[in-house]
Amino acid sequence: MKANLRIVVLAVAVAAACTDAFAQFGVNIGYMNSTTYSRVEGTEGSEKAGTNGFAAGIDHNIRLIGNLLSIQPGIYYQHLLRSEDIAEIAGLAANTTYMENFLAIPVHVKVGFNLLPKDVLRLYVFAGPTFEIGLSSSDKISVSGSLLGHDIAGEVSYNYYSGKIKTSSDELQSVVDSYFQSEDKGQLKRFDVMIGGGVGLQVVRFLDIKVGYDYGMVNRYAGDLAEHASANRGQFYVGVGIRL
């Protein structure tokens, strides 16, 4: 864990140091689609679970070799969400909402070329690591209906980092306690290192449009679950930004 924190601190320090005359500041926002690929030891193939959301953040573009080569560290907030109805079971109707929030620190190397003179239109490609820190990961289930002669309505939430289960009422808590046991250990790790790249266009040194893909190198599962199963996250994104 200490080694992971040192990597993140170094990446943040690089981003904070980008204030010289050759650095260009950017503000960006975009759409994200994330897919988690989970595999169980001894089985073939993998299961996929997708979420959609957005990313917003800032970066600095530091020129290394003129307009050709640069490095672009940044810091982003990522919000991902999936919501679906669950088939009615034993008189209970339910809807589940899965939500994740991350702090992402990309450190990309960029190579760019002019498509039109005087930087009117530039094409660039980029690649590098993105350090991901999980802020929250939870499942919230909204239930309503009748169970064992009792009217049930409320919300049950599970924290994948802490393993804790919370409910919106004491009555619902007693039902949950009858079937589930809250744990002190979560199922997911907070830290991931993603590797990826993409391509983009810059218009008149002001407007940025880019697409990219990252894939996580760290098994997201934690504890005993990680001994016989793995989960890795891939994310596709489309973003727009302005250079200041």
C-alpha atoms as a PDB file:
ATOM      1  CA  MET A   1       0.000   0.000   0.000  1.00  0.00           C
ATOM      2  CA  LYS A   2       2.851   2.402   0.813  1.00  0.00           C
ATOM      3  CA  ALA A   3       4.407   1.743  -2.596  1.00  0.00           C
ATOM      4  CA  ASN A   4       1.068   2.529  -4.262  1.00  0.00           C
ATOM      5  CA  LEU A   5       0.792   5.798  -2.352  1.00  0.00           C
ATOM      6  CA  ARG A   6       4.327   6.797  -3.361  1.00  0.00           C
ATOM      7  CA  ILE A   7       3.425   6.264  -7.022  1.00  0.00           C
ATOM      8  CA  VAL A   8       0.310   8.428  -6.679  1.00  0.00           C
ATOM      9  CA  VAL A   9       2.186  11.178  -4.814  1.00  0.00           C
ATOM     10  CA  LEU A  10       4.847  11.205  -7.540  1.00  0.00           C
ATOM     11  CA  ALA A  11       2.197  11.497 -10.251  1.00  0.00           C
ATOM     12  CA  VAL A  12       0.472  14.366  -8.428  1.00  0.00           C
ATOM     13  CA  ALA A  13       3.819  16.112  -7.951  1.00  0.00           C
ATOM     14  CA  VAL A  14       4.505  15.881 -11.679  1.00  0.00           C
ATOM     15  CA  ALA A  15       1.093  17.374 -12.424  1.00  0.00           C
ATOM     16  CA  ALA A  16       1.586  20.172  -9.902  1.00  0.00           C
ATOM     17  CA  ALA A  17       5.004  21.034 -11.307  1.00  0.00           C
ATOM     18  CA  CYS A  18       3.656  21.751 -14.777  1.00  0.00           C
ATOM     19  CA  THR A  19       3.594  25.542 -14.531  1.00  0.00           C
ATOM     20  CA  ASP A  20       6.499  26.592 -16.754  1.00  0.00           C
ATOM     21  CA  ALA A  21       6.311  28.603 -19.952  1.00  0.00           C
ATOM     22  CA  PHE A  22       6.008  25.467 -22.077  1.00  0.00           C
ATOM     23  CA  ALA A  23       2.951  24.117 -20.226  1.00  0.00           C
ATOM     24  CA  GLN A  24      -0.632  24.520 -21.439  1.00  0.00           C
ATOM     25  CA  PHE A  25      -3.523  24.126 -19.017  1.00  0.00           C
ATOM     26  CA  GLY A  26      -6.683  22.232 -20.026  1.00  0.00           C
ATOM     27  CA  VAL A  27     -10.195  21.653 -18.674  1.00  0.00           C
ATOM     28  CA  ASN A  28     -11.948  18.492 -19.889  1.00  0.00           C
ATOM     29  CA  ILE A  29     -15.232  16.613 -19.598  1.00  0.00           C
ATOM     30  CA  GLY A  30     -16.506  13.503 -21.348  1.00  0.00           C
ATOM     31  CA  TYR A  31     -18.516  10.297 -21.504  1.00  0.00           C
ATOM     32  CA  MET A  32     -17.209   7.013 -20.103  1.00  0.00           C
ATOM     33  CA  ASN A  33     -18.194   3.380 -20.574  1.00  0.00           C
ATOM     34  CA  SER A  34     -16.576   0.945 -18.155  1.00  0.00           C
ATOM     35  CA  THR A  35     -16.673  -2.867 -18.312  1.00  0.00           C
ATOM     36  CA  THR A  36     -15.491  -5.186 -15.544  1.00  0.00           C
ATOM     37  CA  TYR A  37     -14.307  -8.608 -16.713  1.00  0.00           C
ATOM     38  CA  SER A  38     -14.518 -11.208 -13.920  1.00  0.00           C
ATOM     39  CA  ARG A  39     -13.063 -14.715 -14.080  1.00  0.00           C
ATOM     40  CA  VAL A  40     -13.209 -17.655 -11.686  1.00  0.00           C
ATOM     41  CA  GLU A  41     -10.321 -20.096 -11.453  1.00  0.00           C
ATOM     42  CA  GLY A  42     -11.057 -23.398 -13.174  1.00  0.00           C
ATOM     43  CA  THR A  43     -13.771 -22.018 -15.472  1.00  0.00           C
ATOM     44  CA  GLU A  44     -13.653 -20.893 -19.085  1.00  0.00           C
ATOM     45  CA  GLY A  45     -14.413 -17.397 -20.308  1.00  0.00           C
ATOM     46  CA  SER A  46     -15.355 -14.362 -18.260  1.00  0.00           C
ATOM     47  CA  GLU A  47     -18.431 -12.457 -17.164  1.00  0.00           C
ATOM     48  CA  LYS A  48     -18.915  -8.818 -18.118  1.00  0.00           C
ATOM     49  CA  ALA A  49     -20.676  -6.037 -16.225  1.00  0.00           C
ATOM     50  CA  GLY A  50     -20.897  -2.546 -17.688  1.00  0.00           C
ATOM     51  CA  THR A  51     -21.456   0.934 -16.292  1.00  0.00           C
ATOM     52  CA  ASN A  52     -21.797   4.353 -17.912  1.00  0.00           C
ATOM     53  CA  GLY A  53     -20.936   7.795 -16.646  1.00  0.00           C
ATOM     54  CA  PHE A  54     -18.716  10.799 -17.046  1.00  0.00           C
ATOM     55  CA  ALA A  55     -15.242  12.096 -16.260  1.00  0.00           C
ATOM     56  CA  ALA A  56     -14.242  15.693 -15.569  1.00  0.00           C
ATOM     57  CA  GLY A  57     -10.872  17.152 -14.722  1.00  0.00           C
ATOM     58  CA  ILE A  58      -7.828  19.231 -15.545  1.00  0.00           C
ATOM     59  CA  ASP A  59      -4.448  18.564 -17.129  1.00  0.00           C
ATOM     60  CA  HIS A  60      -1.208  20.230 -18.211  1.00  0.00           C
ATOM     61  CA  ASN A  61       0.462  19.708 -21.566  1.00  0.00           C
ATOM     62  CA  ILE A  62       4.251  20.091 -21.206  1.00  0.00           C
ATOM     63  CA  ARG A  63       6.251  20.370 -24.417  1.00  0.00           C
ATOM     64  CA  LEU A  64       9.385  18.234 -24.554  1.00  0.00           C
ATOM     65  CA  ILE A  65      10.372  18.507 -28.238  1.00  0.00           C
ATOM     66  CA  GLY A  66       8.701  21.516 -29.824  1.00  0.00           C
ATOM     67  CA  ASN A  67       5.169  20.745 -30.992  1.00  0.00           C
ATOM     68  CA  LEU A  68       6.038  17.106 -31.668  1.00  0.00           C
ATOM     69  CA  LEU A  69       6.436  15.452 -28.267  1.00  0.00           C
ATOM     70  CA  SER A  70       4.895  16.335 -24.913  1.00  0.00           C
ATOM     71  CA  ILE A  71       3.855  14.824 -21.597  1.00  0.00           C
ATOM     72  CA  GLN A  72       0.365  15.427 -20.211  1.00  0.00           C
ATOM     73  CA  PRO A  73      -0.360  14.593 -16.555  1.00  0.00           C
ATOM     74  CA  GLY A  74      -3.771  15.367 -15.132  1.00  0.00           C
ATOM     75  CA  ILE A  75      -6.311  14.667 -12.416  1.00  0.00           C
ATOM     76  CA  TYR A  76      -9.930  13.604 -13.030  1.00  0.00           C
ATOM     77  CA  TYR A  77     -13.095  12.717 -11.150  1.00  0.00           C
ATOM     78  CA  GLN A  78     -14.946   9.717 -12.631  1.00  0.00           C
ATOM     79  CA  HIS A  79     -18.575   8.817 -11.888  1.00  0.00           C
ATOM     80  CA  LEU A  80     -20.039   5.500 -13.124  1.00  0.00           C
ATOM     81  CA  LEU A  81     -23.567   4.147 -12.729  1.00  0.00           C
ATOM     82  CA  ARG A  82     -25.736   1.150 -13.637  1.00  0.00           C
ATOM     83  CA  SER A  83     -29.415   0.727 -12.735  1.00  0.00           C
ATOM     84  CA  GLU A  84     -31.742  -2.187 -13.461  1.00  0.00           C
ATOM     85  CA  ASP A  85     -34.940  -3.819 -12.251  1.00  0.00           C
ATOM     86  CA  ILE A  86     -34.745  -7.212 -10.554  1.00  0.00           C
ATOM     87  CA  ALA A  87     -37.391  -9.844 -11.251  1.00  0.00           C
ATOM     88  CA  GLU A  88     -39.981 -10.040  -8.469  1.00  0.00           C
ATOM     89  CA  ILE A  89     -39.101 -12.724  -5.924  1.00  0.00           C
ATOM     90  CA  ALA A  90     -41.473 -13.985  -3.200  1.00  0.00           C
ATOM     91  CA  GLY A  91     -43.679 -10.919  -3.543  1.00  0.00           C
ATOM     92  CA  LEU A  92     -40.823  -8.408  -3.421  1.00  0.00           C
ATOM     93  CA  ALA A  93     -40.064  -6.042  -6.305  1.00  0.00           C
ATOM     94  CA  ALA A  94     -36.604  -4.508  -6.404  1.00  0.00           C
ATOM     95  CA  ASN A  95     -34.412  -2.113  -8.336  1.00  0.00           C
ATOM     96  CA  THR A  96     -30.639  -2.113  -7.996  1.00  0.00           C
ATOM     97  CA  THR A  97     -28.301   0.824  -8.585  1.00  0.00           C
ATOM     98  CA  TYR A  98     -24.574   0.160  -8.764  1.00  0.00           C
ATOM     99  CA  MET A  99     -22.361   3.247  -8.443  1.00  0.00           C
ATOM    100  CA  GLU A 100     -18.602   3.830  -8.465  1.00  0.00           C
ATOM    101  CA  ASN A 101     -16.533   6.990  -8.048  1.00  0.00           C
ATOM    102  CA  PHE A 102     -12.819   7.258  -8.796  1.00  0.00           C
ATOM    103  CA  LEU A 103      -9.993   9.762  -8.653  1.00  0.00           C
ATOM    104  CA  ALA A 104      -7.895   9.197 -11.784  1.00  0.00           C
ATOM    105  CA  ILE A 105      -4.363  10.488 -12.391  1.00  0.00           C
ATOM    106  CA  PRO A 106      -3.273   9.905 -16.008  1.00  0.00           C
ATOM    107  CA  VAL A 107       0.320  10.531 -17.108  1.00  0.00           C
ATOM    108  CA  HIS A 108       0.265  10.420 -20.901  1.00  0.00           C
ATOM    109  CA  VAL A 109       2.974  10.886 -23.499  1.00  0.00           C
ATOM    110  CA  LYS A 110       1.658  12.688 -26.616  1.00  0.00           C
ATOM    111  CA  VAL A 111       2.954  12.856 -30.179  1.00  0.00           C
ATOM    112  CA  GLY A 112       1.273  15.447 -32.426  1.00  0.00           C
ATOM    113  CA  PHE A 113       1.300  16.517 -36.068  1.00  0.00           C
ATOM    114  CA  ASN A 114      -0.134  19.503 -37.918  1.00  0.00           C
ATOM    115  CA  LEU A 115      -2.880  18.650 -40.414  1.00  0.00           C
ATOM    116  CA  LEU A 116      -3.255  22.340 -41.234  1.00  0.00           C
ATOM    117  CA  PRO A 117      -0.476  24.942 -40.835  1.00  0.00           C
ATOM    118  CA  LYS A 118       0.026  27.200 -37.820  1.00  0.00           C
ATOM    119  CA  ASP A 119      -1.646  24.732 -35.428  1.00  0.00           C
ATOM    120  CA  VAL A 120      -5.069  25.370 -36.963  1.00  0.00           C
ATOM    121  CA  LEU A 121      -5.753  21.620 -36.867  1.00  0.00           C
ATOM    122  CA  ARG A 122      -3.539  19.038 -35.147  1.00  0.00           C
ATOM    123  CA  LEU A 123      -3.758  15.261 -34.867  1.00  0.00           C
ATOM    124  CA  TYR A 124      -2.180  13.593 -31.854  1.00  0.00           C
ATOM    125  CA  VAL A 125      -1.842  10.149 -30.317  1.00  0.00           C
ATOM    126  CA  PHE A 126      -1.238   9.491 -26.627  1.00  0.00           C
ATOM    127  CA  ALA A 127      -0.410   6.569 -24.352  1.00  0.00           C
ATOM    128  CA  GLY A 128       0.608   5.897 -20.772  1.00  0.00           C
ATOM    129  CA  PRO A 129      -0.547   4.811 -17.321  1.00  0.00           C
ATOM    130  CA  THR A 130      -3.528   6.047 -15.338  1.00  0.00           C
ATOM    131  CA  PHE A 131      -3.449   5.646 -11.553  1.00  0.00           C
ATOM    132  CA  GLU A 132      -6.964   4.998 -10.236  1.00  0.00           C
ATOM    133  CA  ILE A 133      -8.042   5.502  -6.617  1.00  0.00           C
ATOM    134  CA  GLY A 134     -11.480   4.201  -5.666  1.00  0.00           C
ATOM    135  CA  LEU A 135     -13.506   6.737  -3.694  1.00  0.00           C
ATOM    136  CA  SER A 136     -16.684   4.661  -3.388  1.00  0.00           C
ATOM    137  CA  SER A 137     -18.210   1.471  -4.771  1.00  0.00           C
ATOM    138  CA  SER A 138     -21.693   0.448  -3.698  1.00  0.00           C
ATOM    139  CA  ASP A 139     -24.853  -1.426  -4.622  1.00  0.00           C
ATOM    140  CA  LYS A 140     -28.133   0.124  -3.514  1.00  0.00           C
ATOM    141  CA  ILE A 141     -31.261  -2.025  -3.734  1.00  0.00           C
ATOM    142  CA  SER A 142     -34.700  -0.433  -3.400  1.00  0.00           C
ATOM    143  CA  VAL A 143     -37.329  -3.008  -2.375  1.00  0.00           C
ATOM    144  CA  SER A 144     -41.101  -2.919  -1.966  1.00  0.00           C
ATOM    145  CA  GLY A 145     -43.768  -5.559  -1.403  1.00  0.00           C
ATOM    146  CA  SER A 146     -44.734  -8.181   1.158  1.00  0.00           C
ATOM    147  CA  LEU A 147     -42.513 -10.834   2.754  1.00  0.00           C
ATOM    148  CA  LEU A 148     -43.735 -13.406   5.295  1.00  0.00           C
ATOM    149  CA  GLY A 149     -46.852 -11.330   5.942  1.00  0.00           C
ATOM    150  CA  HIS A 150     -44.953  -8.085   6.495  1.00  0.00           C
ATOM    151  CA  ASP A 151     -45.035  -5.065   4.209  1.00  0.00           C
ATOM    152  CA  ILE A 152     -41.480  -4.192   3.257  1.00  0.00           C
ATOM    153  CA  ALA A 153     -40.302  -0.932   1.687  1.00  0.00           C
ATOM    154  CA  GLY A 154     -36.923   0.742   1.790  1.00  0.00           C
ATOM    155  CA  GLU A 155     -33.323   0.599   0.647  1.00  0.00           C
ATOM    156  CA  VAL A 156     -30.419  -1.761   1.290  1.00  0.00           C
ATOM    157  CA  SER A 157     -26.880  -0.686   0.378  1.00  0.00           C
ATOM    158  CA  TYR A 158     -23.653  -2.696   0.267  1.00  0.00           C
ATOM    159  CA  ASN A 159     -20.195  -1.084   0.368  1.00  0.00           C
ATOM    160  CA  TYR A 160     -17.741  -3.121  -1.740  1.00  0.00           C
ATOM    161  CA  TYR A 161     -14.704  -1.532  -0.071  1.00  0.00           C
ATOM    162  CA  SER A 162     -15.710  -1.973   3.578  1.00  0.00           C
ATOM    163  CA  GLY A 163     -18.091  -4.940   3.309  1.00  0.00           C
ATOM    164  CA  LYS A 164     -20.739  -3.119   5.362  1.00  0.00           C
ATOM    165  CA  ILE A 165     -24.489  -3.457   4.766  1.00  0.00           C
ATOM    166  CA  LYS A 166     -26.804  -0.554   5.615  1.00  0.00           C
ATOM    167  CA  THR A 167     -30.597  -0.259   5.479  1.00  0.00           C
ATOM    168  CA  SER A 168     -33.078   2.607   5.576  1.00  0.00           C
ATOM    169  CA  SER A 169     -35.200   1.206   8.442  1.00  0.00           C
ATOM    170  CA  ASP A 170     -34.945  -1.032  11.511  1.00  0.00           C
ATOM    171  CA  GLU A 171     -37.609  -3.374  10.110  1.00  0.00           C
ATOM    172  CA  LEU A 172     -35.656  -3.862   6.907  1.00  0.00           C
ATOM    173  CA  GLN A 173     -32.450  -4.290   8.910  1.00  0.00           C
ATOM    174  CA  SER A 174     -33.963  -7.204  10.839  1.00  0.00           C
ATOM    175  CA  VAL A 175     -34.950  -8.895   7.568  1.00  0.00           C
ATOM    176  CA  VAL A 176     -31.447  -8.407   6.159  1.00  0.00           C
ATOM    177  CA  ASP A 177     -29.835  -9.733   9.354  1.00  0.00           C
ATOM    178  CA  SER A 178     -31.882 -12.923   8.961  1.00  0.00           C
ATOM    179  CA  TYR A 179     -30.359 -13.684   5.567  1.00  0.00           C
ATOM    180  CA  PHE A 180     -27.022 -11.867   5.379  1.00  0.00           C
ATOM    181  CA  GLN A 181     -24.079 -11.085   7.612  1.00  0.00           C
ATOM    182  CA  SER A 182     -22.240  -7.764   7.359  1.00  0.00           C
ATOM    183  CA  GLU A 183     -18.480  -8.280   6.995  1.00  0.00           C
ATOM    184  CA  ASP A 184     -15.508  -6.219   8.102  1.00  0.00           C
ATOM    185  CA  LYS A 185     -13.661  -6.898   4.836  1.00  0.00           C
ATOM    186  CA  GLY A 186     -14.743  -5.683   1.425  1.00  0.00           C
ATOM    187  CA  GLN A 187     -14.651  -7.476  -1.901  1.00  0.00           C
ATOM    188  CA  LEU A 188     -12.770  -4.843  -3.920  1.00  0.00           C
ATOM    189  CA  LYS A 189      -9.416  -3.040  -3.748  1.00  0.00           C
ATOM    190  CA  ARG A 190      -9.311   0.725  -4.059  1.00  0.00           C
ATOM    191  CA  PHE A 191      -6.111   1.060  -6.122  1.00  0.00           C
ATOM    192  CA  ASP A 192      -5.592   0.178  -9.793  1.00  0.00           C
ATOM    193  CA  VAL A 193      -3.046   0.950 -12.503  1.00  0.00           C
ATOM    194  CA  MET A 194      -4.527   1.187 -15.982  1.00  0.00           C
ATOM    195  CA  ILE A 195      -2.557   1.187 -19.237  1.00  0.00           C
ATOM    196  CA  GLY A 196      -3.991   2.679 -22.393  1.00  0.00           C
ATOM    197  CA  GLY A 197      -3.948   5.283 -25.090  1.00  0.00           C
ATOM    198  CA  GLY A 198      -5.965   7.051 -27.730  1.00  0.00           C
ATOM    199  CA  VAL A 199      -6.138   9.637 -30.473  1.00  0.00           C
ATOM    200  CA  GLY A 200      -7.327  13.236 -30.582  1.00  0.00           C
ATOM    201  CA  LEU A 201      -7.743  16.429 -32.552  1.00  0.00           C
ATOM    202  CA  GLN A 202      -6.866  19.952 -31.439  1.00  0.00           C
ATOM    203  CA  VAL A 203      -8.528  22.873 -33.221  1.00  0.00           C
ATOM    204  CA  VAL A 204      -6.900  26.341 -33.301  1.00  0.00           C
ATOM    205  CA  ARG A 205      -4.940  25.559 -30.108  1.00  0.00           C
ATOM    206  CA  PHE A 206      -8.181  25.852 -28.141  1.00  0.00           C
ATOM    207  CA  LEU A 207     -10.601  22.940 -28.601  1.00  0.00           C
ATOM    208  CA  ASP A 208      -9.620  19.334 -27.840  1.00  0.00           C
ATOM    209  CA  ILE A 209     -11.571  16.248 -28.937  1.00  0.00           C
ATOM    210  CA  LYS A 210     -10.242  12.808 -28.009  1.00  0.00           C
ATOM    211  CA  VAL A 211     -11.137   9.129 -27.662  1.00  0.00           C
ATOM    212  CA  GLY A 212      -9.231   6.537 -25.669  1.00  0.00           C
ATOM    213  CA  TYR A 213      -9.226   3.189 -23.918  1.00  0.00           C
ATOM    214  CA  ASP A 214      -7.581   1.978 -20.685  1.00  0.00           C
ATOM    215  CA  TYR A 215      -7.300  -1.493 -19.159  1.00  0.00           C
ATOM    216  CA  GLY A 216      -6.627  -2.208 -15.493  1.00  0.00           C
ATOM    217  CA  MET A 217      -3.585  -4.321 -14.636  1.00  0.00           C
ATOM    218  CA  VAL A 218      -4.520  -4.967 -10.983  1.00  0.00           C
ATOM    219  CA  ASN A 219      -6.953  -7.665  -9.844  1.00  0.00           C
ATOM    220  CA  ARG A 220      -9.786  -5.638  -8.298  1.00  0.00           C
ATOM    221  CA  TYR A 221     -10.900  -8.455  -6.007  1.00  0.00           C
ATOM    222  CA  ALA A 222      -9.605  -8.359  -2.434  1.00  0.00           C
ATOM    223  CA  GLY A 223      -9.079 -10.854   0.375  1.00  0.00           C
ATOM    224  CA  ASP A 224     -10.046 -14.510  -0.009  1.00  0.00           C
ATOM    225  CA  LEU A 225     -11.966 -13.784  -3.215  1.00  0.00           C
ATOM    226  CA  ALA A 226      -8.746 -12.760  -4.975  1.00  0.00           C
ATOM    227  CA  GLU A 227      -7.227 -16.202  -4.360  1.00  0.00           C
ATOM    228  CA  HIS A 228      -9.548 -17.985  -6.804  1.00  0.00           C
ATOM    229  CA  ALA A 229     -11.042 -15.200  -8.936  1.00  0.00           C
ATOM    230  CA  SER A 230      -9.992 -12.038 -10.734  1.00  0.00           C
ATOM    231  CA  ALA A 231     -11.674  -8.859 -11.942  1.00  0.00           C
ATOM    232  CA  ASN A 232     -10.144  -6.280 -14.278  1.00  0.00           C
ATOM    233  CA  ARG A 233     -11.746  -3.087 -15.521  1.00  0.00           C
ATOM    234  CA  GLY A 234     -11.549  -1.653 -19.026  1.00  0.00           C
ATOM    235  CA  GLN A 235     -12.830   1.814 -19.863  1.00  0.00           C
ATOM    236  CA  PHE A 236     -13.636   3.592 -23.132  1.00  0.00           C
ATOM    237  CA  TYR A 237     -14.029   7.355 -23.127  1.00  0.00           C
ATOM    238  CA  VAL A 238     -14.813  10.283 -25.418  1.00  0.00           C
ATOM    239  CA  GLY A 239     -13.893  13.743 -24.194  1.00  0.00           C
ATOM    240  CA  VAL A 240     -13.899  17.389 -25.146  1.00  0.00           C
ATOM    241  CA  GLY A 241     -11.802  20.110 -23.586  1.00  0.00           C
ATOM    242  CA  ILE A 242     -10.512  23.627 -23.888  1.00  0.00           C
ATOM    243  CA  ARG A 243      -6.875  24.707 -23.704  1.00  0.00           C
ATOM    244  CA  LEU A 244      -6.100  27.823 -21.677  1.00  0.00           C
END
